Amino acid sequence: MGGDYYSLGENVRAGEYITKAFPVARTCQRTGKTGIAGIYYWTVNGELDKAARTYQEEIEIYPRTAKDTACWA
């Protein structure tokens, strides 16, 4: 939901959903962990360096998935 609201330009509402998702991200499977963490650092905290490291980690761990979903970026 947070990503959808962010795409619509509703950044405050996106931040609310992303902030709720961040603490439970570790229970997600596969790229959900890094995806939630990356968008949290990028959109909520504005910590672009952490976001970049998180997305790089995702690429290294799941290179095929990252390549297949690269078109959304």
C-alpha atoms as a PDB file:
ATOM      1  CA  MET A   1       0.000   0.000   0.000  1.00  0.00           C
ATOM      2  CA  GLY A   2       2.777   2.404   0.896  1.00  0.00           C
ATOM      3  CA  GLY A   3       4.419   2.036  -2.494  1.00  0.00           C
ATOM      4  CA  ASP A   4       1.115   2.575  -4.240  1.00  0.00           C
ATOM      5  CA  TYR A   5       0.402   5.758  -2.314  1.00  0.00           C
ATOM      6  CA  TYR A   6       3.940   6.961  -3.011  1.00  0.00           C
ATOM      7  CA  SER A   7       3.398   6.359  -6.739  1.00  0.00           C
ATOM      8  CA  LEU A   8       0.246   8.475  -6.530  1.00  0.00           C
ATOM      9  CA  GLY A   9       2.170  11.322  -4.911  1.00  0.00           C
ATOM     10  CA  GLU A  10       0.514  10.874  -1.512  1.00  0.00           C
ATOM     11  CA  ASN A  11       3.779  10.828   0.399  1.00  0.00           C
ATOM     12  CA  VAL A  12       2.370  11.352   3.895  1.00  0.00           C
ATOM     13  CA  ARG A  13      -0.046   8.476   3.578  1.00  0.00           C
ATOM     14  CA  ALA A  14       2.676   6.340   1.969  1.00  0.00           C
ATOM     15  CA  GLY A  15       4.971   7.065   4.890  1.00  0.00           C
ATOM     16  CA  GLU A  16       2.351   5.886   7.346  1.00  0.00           C
ATOM     17  CA  TYR A  17       1.987   2.504   5.655  1.00  0.00           C
ATOM     18  CA  ILE A  18       5.700   2.060   5.046  1.00  0.00           C
ATOM     19  CA  THR A  19       6.471   2.886   8.671  1.00  0.00           C
ATOM     20  CA  LYS A  20       3.984   0.233   9.796  1.00  0.00           C
ATOM     21  CA  ALA A  21       5.529  -2.359   7.462  1.00  0.00           C
ATOM     22  CA  PHE A  22       9.160  -1.702   8.367  1.00  0.00           C
ATOM     23  CA  PRO A  23       9.230  -3.425  11.809  1.00  0.00           C
ATOM     24  CA  VAL A  24       7.714  -6.614  10.404  1.00  0.00           C
ATOM     25  CA  ALA A  25       9.839  -6.692   7.241  1.00  0.00           C
ATOM     26  CA  ARG A  26      12.151  -9.304   8.732  1.00  0.00           C
ATOM     27  CA  THR A  27       9.280 -11.814   8.697  1.00  0.00           C
ATOM     28  CA  CYS A  28       8.827 -11.431   4.945  1.00  0.00           C
ATOM     29  CA  GLN A  29      10.203 -13.891   2.456  1.00  0.00           C
ATOM     30  CA  ARG A  30      12.693 -13.271  -0.307  1.00  0.00           C
ATOM     31  CA  THR A  31      12.983  -9.703  -1.539  1.00  0.00           C
ATOM     32  CA  GLY A  32      10.171  -8.427   0.657  1.00  0.00           C
ATOM     33  CA  LYS A  33      12.665  -7.771   3.431  1.00  0.00           C
ATOM     34  CA  THR A  34      14.992  -5.639   1.388  1.00  0.00           C
ATOM     35  CA  GLY A  35      12.194  -4.041  -0.621  1.00  0.00           C
ATOM     36  CA  ILE A  36      10.398  -2.767   2.453  1.00  0.00           C
ATOM     37  CA  ALA A  37      13.630  -1.634   4.094  1.00  0.00           C
ATOM     38  CA  GLY A  38      14.771   0.138   0.932  1.00  0.00           C
ATOM     39  CA  ILE A  39      11.561   2.047   0.429  1.00  0.00           C
ATOM     40  CA  TYR A  40      11.493   2.926   4.146  1.00  0.00           C
ATOM     41  CA  TYR A  41      14.982   4.423   4.058  1.00  0.00           C
ATOM     42  CA  TRP A  42      14.287   6.163   0.769  1.00  0.00           C
ATOM     43  CA  THR A  43      10.842   7.653   1.326  1.00  0.00           C
ATOM     44  CA  VAL A  44      10.347   7.896   5.092  1.00  0.00           C
ATOM     45  CA  ASN A  45      13.785   8.677   6.474  1.00  0.00           C
ATOM     46  CA  GLY A  46      15.383  10.161   3.373  1.00  0.00           C
ATOM     47  CA  GLU A  47      18.497   8.065   4.041  1.00  0.00           C
ATOM     48  CA  LEU A  48      19.439   7.531   0.429  1.00  0.00           C
ATOM     49  CA  ASP A  49      22.770   5.909   1.270  1.00  0.00           C
ATOM     50  CA  LYS A  50      21.025   3.217   3.352  1.00  0.00           C
ATOM     51  CA  ALA A  51      18.412   2.739   0.648  1.00  0.00           C
ATOM     52  CA  ALA A  52      21.098   2.291  -2.004  1.00  0.00           C
ATOM     53  CA  ARG A  53      22.983  -0.237   0.152  1.00  0.00           C
ATOM     54  CA  THR A  54      19.754  -2.141   0.799  1.00  0.00           C
ATOM     55  CA  TYR A  55      18.867  -2.310  -2.889  1.00  0.00           C
ATOM     56  CA  GLN A  56      22.437  -3.340  -3.755  1.00  0.00           C
ATOM     57  CA  GLU A  57      22.166  -6.134  -1.193  1.00  0.00           C
ATOM     58  CA  GLU A  58      18.944  -7.263  -2.849  1.00  0.00           C
ATOM     59  CA  ILE A  59      20.650  -7.366  -6.243  1.00  0.00           C
ATOM     60  CA  GLU A  60      23.543  -9.393  -4.845  1.00  0.00           C
ATOM     61  CA  ILE A  61      21.325 -11.889  -3.021  1.00  0.00           C
ATOM     62  CA  TYR A  62      18.622 -12.192  -5.684  1.00  0.00           C
ATOM     63  CA  PRO A  63      20.221 -11.142  -8.997  1.00  0.00           C
ATOM     64  CA  ARG A  64      17.611 -12.836 -11.159  1.00  0.00           C
ATOM     65  CA  THR A  65      14.641 -11.327  -9.308  1.00  0.00           C
ATOM     66  CA  ALA A  66      16.219  -7.882  -9.287  1.00  0.00           C
ATOM     67  CA  LYS A  67      16.787  -8.126 -13.062  1.00  0.00           C
ATOM     68  CA  ASP A  68      13.210  -9.288 -13.680  1.00  0.00           C
ATOM     69  CA  THR A  69      11.701  -6.426 -11.656  1.00  0.00           C
ATOM     70  CA  ALA A  70      14.096  -3.684 -12.744  1.00  0.00           C
ATOM     71  CA  CYS A  71      11.523  -2.116 -15.067  1.00  0.00           C
ATOM     72  CA  TRP A  72       9.563  -0.558 -12.175  1.00  0.00           C
ATOM     73  CA  ALA A  73      12.513   1.573 -11.076  1.00  0.00           C
END
